[in-house]
PDB file of N, CA and C in Angstrom:
ATOM      1  N   UNK A   1      26.749   2.801  87.846  1.00  0.00           N
ATOM      2  CA  UNK A   1      25.749   2.533  86.817  1.00  0.00           C
ATOM      3  C   UNK A   1      26.437   2.033  85.548  1.00  0.00           C
ATOM      4  N   UNK A   2      25.872   1.006  84.958  1.00  0.00           N
ATOM      5  CA  UNK A   2      26.459   0.418  83.749  1.00  0.00           C
ATOM      6  C   UNK A   2      26.219   1.299  82.529  1.00  0.00           C
ATOM      7  N   UNK A   3      27.082   1.104  81.541  1.00  0.00           N
ATOM      8  CA  UNK A   3      26.894   1.820  80.284  1.00  0.00           C
ATOM      9  C   UNK A   3      25.636   1.311  79.590  1.00  0.00           C
ATOM     10  N   UNK A   4      24.989   2.184  78.821  1.00  0.00           N
ATOM     11  CA  UNK A   4      23.814   1.782  78.048  1.00  0.00           C
ATOM     12  C   UNK A   4      24.256   1.294  76.691  1.00  0.00           C
ATOM     13  N   UNK A   5      23.615   0.266  76.195  1.00  0.00           N
ATOM     14  CA  UNK A   5      23.924  -0.234  74.861  1.00  0.00           C
ATOM     15  C   UNK A   5      23.045   0.475  73.834  1.00  0.00           C
ATOM     16  N   UNK A   6      23.653   0.800  72.702  1.00  0.00           N
ATOM     17  CA  UNK A   6      22.918   1.373  71.576  1.00  0.00           C
ATOM     18  C   UNK A   6      22.275   0.239  70.798  1.00  0.00           C
ATOM     19  N   UNK A   7      21.025   0.409  70.419  1.00  0.00           N
ATOM     20  CA  UNK A   7      20.364  -0.570  69.555  1.00  0.00           C
ATOM     21  C   UNK A   7      20.900  -0.371  68.144  1.00  0.00           C
ATOM     22  N   UNK A   8      21.681  -1.339  67.662  1.00  0.00           N
ATOM     23  CA  UNK A   8      22.399  -1.183  66.408  1.00  0.00           C
ATOM     24  C   UNK A   8      21.463  -1.057  65.203  1.00  0.00           C
ATOM     25  N   UNK A   9      20.333  -1.727  65.236  1.00  0.00           N
ATOM     26  CA  UNK A   9      19.373  -1.632  64.129  1.00  0.00           C
ATOM     27  C   UNK A   9      18.875  -0.208  63.968  1.00  0.00           C
ATOM     28  N   UNK A  10      18.627   0.472  65.093  1.00  0.00           N
ATOM     29  CA  UNK A  10      18.162   1.855  65.058  1.00  0.00           C
ATOM     30  C   UNK A  10      19.290   2.798  64.668  1.00  0.00           C
ATOM     31  N   UNK A  11      20.510   2.509  65.111  1.00  0.00           N
ATOM     32  CA  UNK A  11      21.659   3.371  64.820  1.00  0.00           C
ATOM     33  C   UNK A  11      21.937   3.441  63.320  1.00  0.00           C
ATOM     34  N   UNK A  12      21.629   2.371  62.597  1.00  0.00           N
ATOM     35  CA  UNK A  12      21.848   2.348  61.155  1.00  0.00           C
ATOM     36  C   UNK A  12      20.788   3.140  60.400  1.00  0.00           C
ATOM     37  N   UNK A  13      19.650   3.396  61.038  1.00  0.00           N
ATOM     38  CA  UNK A  13      18.519   4.019  60.353  1.00  0.00           C
ATOM     39  C   UNK A  13      18.303   5.487  60.685  1.00  0.00           C
ATOM     40  N   UNK A  14      18.927   5.976  61.746  1.00  0.00           N
ATOM     41  CA  UNK A  14      18.698   7.352  62.193  1.00  0.00           C
ATOM     42  C   UNK A  14      20.001   8.116  62.321  1.00  0.00           C
ATOM     43  N   UNK A  15      19.952   9.416  61.995  1.00  0.00           N
ATOM     44  CA  UNK A  15      21.089  10.314  62.181  1.00  0.00           C
ATOM     45  C   UNK A  15      20.614  11.499  63.007  1.00  0.00           C
ATOM     46  N   UNK A  16      21.483  12.004  63.842  1.00  0.00           N
ATOM     47  CA  UNK A  16      21.130  13.159  64.668  1.00  0.00           C
ATOM     48  C   UNK A  16      21.420  14.443  63.898  1.00  0.00           C
ATOM     49  N   UNK A  17      20.524  15.414  64.000  1.00  0.00           N
ATOM     50  CA  UNK A  17      20.712  16.706  63.353  1.00  0.00           C
ATOM     51  C   UNK A  17      21.409  17.659  64.315  1.00  0.00           C
ATOM     52  N   UNK A  18      21.794  18.824  63.821  1.00  0.00           N
ATOM     53  CA  UNK A  18      22.503  19.813  64.636  1.00  0.00           C
ATOM     54  C   UNK A  18      21.658  20.292  65.812  1.00  0.00           C
ATOM     55  N   UNK A  19      20.354  20.364  65.642  1.00  0.00           N
ATOM     56  CA  UNK A  19      19.461  20.827  66.709  1.00  0.00           C
ATOM     57  C   UNK A  19      19.018  19.709  67.651  1.00  0.00           C
ATOM     58  N   UNK A  20      19.523  18.499  67.429  1.00  0.00           N
ATOM     59  CA  UNK A  20      19.195  17.398  68.324  1.00  0.00           C
ATOM     60  C   UNK A  20      18.033  16.542  67.870  1.00  0.00           C
ATOM     61  N   UNK A  21      17.478  16.813  66.706  1.00  0.00           N
ATOM     62  CA  UNK A  21      16.392  15.995  66.175  1.00  0.00           C
ATOM     63  C   UNK A  21      16.929  14.729  65.543  1.00  0.00           C
ATOM     64  N   UNK A  22      16.058  13.842  65.131  1.00  0.00           N
ATOM     65  CA  UNK A  22      16.467  12.607  64.476  1.00  0.00           C
ATOM     66  C   UNK A  22      15.951  12.587  63.041  1.00  0.00           C
ATOM     67  N   UNK A  23      16.866  12.378  62.106  1.00  0.00           N
ATOM     68  CA  UNK A  23      16.533  12.325  60.690  1.00  0.00           C
ATOM     69  C   UNK A  23      16.392  10.864  60.294  1.00  0.00           C
ATOM     70  N   UNK A  24      15.398  10.562  59.469  1.00  0.00           N
ATOM     71  CA  UNK A  24      15.190   9.185  59.021  1.00  0.00           C
ATOM     72  C   UNK A  24      14.828   9.180  57.541  1.00  0.00           C
ATOM     73  N   UNK A  25      14.980   8.023  56.912  1.00  0.00           N
ATOM     74  CA  UNK A  25      14.537   7.889  55.530  1.00  0.00           C
ATOM     75  C   UNK A  25      13.124   7.313  55.528  1.00  0.00           C
ATOM     76  N   UNK A  26      12.421   7.523  54.443  1.00  0.00           N
ATOM     77  CA  UNK A  26      11.025   7.093  54.364  1.00  0.00           C
ATOM     78  C   UNK A  26      10.915   5.622  53.955  1.00  0.00           C
ATOM     79  N   UNK A  27       9.821   5.008  54.322  1.00  0.00           N
ATOM     80  CA  UNK A  27       9.569   3.605  54.011  1.00  0.00           C
ATOM     81  C   UNK A  27       8.854   3.482  52.658  1.00  0.00           C
ATOM     82  N   UNK A  28       8.630   2.248  52.217  1.00  0.00           N
ATOM     83  CA  UNK A  28       7.875   1.915  50.989  1.00  0.00           C
ATOM     84  C   UNK A  28       8.602   2.307  49.705  1.00  0.00           C
ATOM     85  N   UNK A  29       9.926   2.250  49.696  1.00  0.00           N
ATOM     86  CA  UNK A  29      10.677   2.602  48.496  1.00  0.00           C
ATOM     87  C   UNK A  29      11.487   1.424  47.964  1.00  0.00           C
ATOM     88  N   UNK A  30      11.345   0.235  48.560  1.00  0.00           N
ATOM     89  CA  UNK A  30      12.251  -0.852  48.209  1.00  0.00           C
ATOM     90  C   UNK A  30      11.768  -1.757  47.071  1.00  0.00           C
ATOM     91  N   UNK A  31      10.490  -2.051  46.985  1.00  0.00           N
ATOM     92  CA  UNK A  31      10.022  -2.940  45.921  1.00  0.00           C
ATOM     93  C   UNK A  31       8.566  -2.621  45.589  1.00  0.00           C
ATOM     94  N   UNK A  32       8.050  -3.288  44.549  1.00  0.00           N
ATOM     95  CA  UNK A  32       6.713  -3.024  43.991  1.00  0.00           C
ATOM     96  C   UNK A  32       6.596  -1.534  43.634  1.00  0.00           C
ATOM     97  N   UNK A  33       7.540  -1.072  42.826  1.00  0.00           N
ATOM     98  CA  UNK A  33       7.589   0.343  42.474  1.00  0.00           C
ATOM     99  C   UNK A  33       6.794   0.666  41.214  1.00  0.00           C
ATOM    100  N   UNK A  34       6.369  -0.360  40.468  1.00  0.00           N
ATOM    101  CA  UNK A  34       5.688  -0.107  39.200  1.00  0.00           C
ATOM    102  C   UNK A  34       4.325   0.556  39.378  1.00  0.00           C
ATOM    103  N   UNK A  35       3.638   0.212  40.453  1.00  0.00           N
ATOM    104  CA  UNK A  35       2.303   0.786  40.655  1.00  0.00           C
ATOM    105  C   UNK A  35       2.342   2.153  41.336  1.00  0.00           C
ATOM    106  N   UNK A  36       3.501   2.562  41.825  1.00  0.00           N
ATOM    107  CA  UNK A  36       3.627   3.860  42.489  1.00  0.00           C
ATOM    108  C   UNK A  36       3.957   4.933  41.455  1.00  0.00           C
ATOM    109  N   UNK A  37       3.367   6.093  41.643  1.00  0.00           N
ATOM    110  CA  UNK A  37       3.589   7.176  40.686  1.00  0.00           C
ATOM    111  C   UNK A  37       5.000   7.736  40.823  1.00  0.00           C
ATOM    112  N   UNK A  38       5.460   8.392  39.777  1.00  0.00           N
ATOM    113  CA  UNK A  38       6.785   9.008  39.780  1.00  0.00           C
ATOM    114  C   UNK A  38       6.896  10.050  40.885  1.00  0.00           C
ATOM    115  N   UNK A  39       5.834  10.828  41.057  1.00  0.00           N
ATOM    116  CA  UNK A  39       5.820  11.857  42.098  1.00  0.00           C
ATOM    117  C   UNK A  39       5.960  11.231  43.486  1.00  0.00           C
ATOM    118  N   UNK A  40       5.242  10.147  43.697  1.00  0.00           N
ATOM    119  CA  UNK A  40       5.297   9.477  45.001  1.00  0.00           C
ATOM    120  C   UNK A  40       6.690   8.913  45.277  1.00  0.00           C
ATOM    121  N   UNK A  41       7.301   8.286  44.262  1.00  0.00           N
ATOM    122  CA  UNK A  41       8.640   7.722  44.424  1.00  0.00           C
ATOM    123  C   UNK A  41       9.674   8.816  44.654  1.00  0.00           C
ATOM    124  N   UNK A  42       9.511   9.942  43.989  1.00  0.00           N
ATOM    125  CA  UNK A  42      10.422  11.075  44.159  1.00  0.00           C
ATOM    126  C   UNK A  42      10.348  11.622  45.580  1.00  0.00           C
ATOM    127  N   UNK A  43       9.134  11.722  46.129  1.00  0.00           N
ATOM    128  CA  UNK A  43       8.958  12.221  47.490  1.00  0.00           C
ATOM    129  C   UNK A  43       9.467  11.226  48.542  1.00  0.00           C
ATOM    130  N   UNK A  44       9.455   9.943  48.219  1.00  0.00           N
ATOM    131  CA  UNK A  44       9.967   8.939  49.151  1.00  0.00           C
ATOM    132  C   UNK A  44      11.493   8.976  49.267  1.00  0.00           C
ATOM    133  N   UNK A  45      12.175   9.571  48.292  1.00  0.00           N
ATOM    134  CA  UNK A  45      13.633   9.689  48.335  1.00  0.00           C
ATOM    135  C   UNK A  45      14.104  10.641  49.421  1.00  0.00           C
ATOM    136  N   UNK A  46      13.294  11.632  49.712  1.00  0.00           N
ATOM    137  CA  UNK A  46      13.702  12.681  50.641  1.00  0.00           C
ATOM    138  C   UNK A  46      13.684  12.180  52.083  1.00  0.00           C
ATOM    139  N   UNK A  47      14.653  12.639  52.855  1.00  0.00           N
ATOM    140  CA  UNK A  47      14.694  12.304  54.282  1.00  0.00           C
ATOM    141  C   UNK A  47      13.678  13.168  55.013  1.00  0.00           C
ATOM    142  N   UNK A  48      13.274  12.711  56.180  1.00  0.00           N
ATOM    143  CA  UNK A  48      12.308  13.448  56.982  1.00  0.00           C
ATOM    144  C   UNK A  48      12.700  13.339  58.454  1.00  0.00           C
ATOM    145  N   UNK A  49      12.028  14.099  59.286  1.00  0.00           N
ATOM    146  CA  UNK A  49      12.327  14.090  60.712  1.00  0.00           C
ATOM    147  C   UNK A  49      11.440  13.064  61.427  1.00  0.00           C
ATOM    148  N   UNK A  50      11.978  12.484  62.491  1.00  0.00           N
ATOM    149  CA  UNK A  50      11.201  11.559  63.320  1.00  0.00           C
ATOM    150  C   UNK A  50      10.103  12.334  64.042  1.00  0.00           C
ATOM    151  N   UNK A  51       8.941  11.729  64.167  1.00  0.00           N
ATOM    152  CA  UNK A  51       7.808  12.377  64.804  1.00  0.00           C
ATOM    153  C   UNK A  51       8.086  12.643  66.282  1.00  0.00           C
ATOM    154  N   UNK A  52       7.554  13.723  66.786  1.00  0.00           N
ATOM    155  CA  UNK A  52       7.794  14.131  68.181  1.00  0.00           C
ATOM    156  C   UNK A  52       7.294  13.104  69.182  1.00  0.00           C
ATOM    157  N   UNK A  53       6.262  12.334  68.818  1.00  0.00           N
ATOM    158  CA  UNK A  53       5.720  11.330  69.741  1.00  0.00           C
ATOM    159  C   UNK A  53       6.699  10.176  69.954  1.00  0.00           C
ATOM    160  N   UNK A  54       7.571   9.922  68.973  1.00  0.00           N
ATOM    161  CA  UNK A  54       8.544   8.831  69.086  1.00  0.00           C
ATOM    162  C   UNK A  54       9.911   9.307  69.586  1.00  0.00           C
ATOM    163  N   UNK A  55      10.094  10.606  69.671  1.00  0.00           N
ATOM    164  CA  UNK A  55      11.408  11.181  69.972  1.00  0.00           C
ATOM    165  C   UNK A  55      11.984  10.675  71.299  1.00  0.00           C
ATOM    166  N   UNK A  56      11.173  10.601  72.348  1.00  0.00           N
ATOM    167  CA  UNK A  56      11.652  10.197  73.669  1.00  0.00           C
ATOM    168  C   UNK A  56      12.145   8.747  73.658  1.00  0.00           C
ATOM    169  N   UNK A  57      11.403   7.865  73.013  1.00  0.00           N
ATOM    170  CA  UNK A  57      11.780   6.450  72.936  1.00  0.00           C
ATOM    171  C   UNK A  57      13.055   6.290  72.118  1.00  0.00           C
ATOM    172  N   UNK A  58      13.146   7.027  71.014  1.00  0.00           N
ATOM    173  CA  UNK A  58      14.302   6.911  70.139  1.00  0.00           C
ATOM    174  C   UNK A  58      15.573   7.384  70.829  1.00  0.00           C
ATOM    175  N   UNK A  59      15.474   8.444  71.610  1.00  0.00           N
ATOM    176  CA  UNK A  59      16.648   8.936  72.339  1.00  0.00           C
ATOM    177  C   UNK A  59      17.105   7.942  73.398  1.00  0.00           C
ATOM    178  N   UNK A  60      16.156   7.144  73.923  1.00  0.00           N
ATOM    179  CA  UNK A  60      16.505   6.140  74.927  1.00  0.00           C
ATOM    180  C   UNK A  60      17.265   4.958  74.294  1.00  0.00           C
ATOM    181  N   UNK A  61      16.863   4.547  73.093  1.00  0.00           N
ATOM    182  CA  UNK A  61      17.548   3.412  72.464  1.00  0.00           C
ATOM    183  C   UNK A  61      18.779   3.839  71.685  1.00  0.00           C
ATOM    184  N   UNK A  62      18.964   5.162  71.518  1.00  0.00           N
ATOM    185  CA  UNK A  62      20.157   5.694  70.873  1.00  0.00           C
ATOM    186  C   UNK A  62      20.853   6.679  71.828  1.00  0.00           C
ATOM    187  N   UNK A  63      21.418   6.197  72.931  1.00  0.00           N
ATOM    188  CA  UNK A  63      21.928   7.111  73.950  1.00  0.00           C
ATOM    189  C   UNK A  63      23.141   7.932  73.528  1.00  0.00           C
ATOM    190  N   UNK A  64      23.965   7.419  72.621  1.00  0.00           N
ATOM    191  CA  UNK A  64      25.220   8.108  72.289  1.00  0.00           C
ATOM    192  C   UNK A  64      25.236   8.707  70.892  1.00  0.00           C
ATOM    193  N   UNK A  65      24.107   8.750  70.247  1.00  0.00           N
ATOM    194  CA  UNK A  65      24.051   9.311  68.889  1.00  0.00           C
ATOM    195  C   UNK A  65      23.604  10.751  68.974  1.00  0.00           C
TER     196      UNK A  65
END
């Protein structure tokens, strides 16, 4: 069986946690920040966990992470 290739775009965006979950950063923080509230921008800074519904697909495209 051939080795699986890691999807490099996904590898740059996700990190594996100690328990095997996937940590990701939140979207909508890059531009058009003037209309967003300070509270909203502050909450977008925090990392979050990948949703359980996407976990199986993400583990398939990130086999060695």
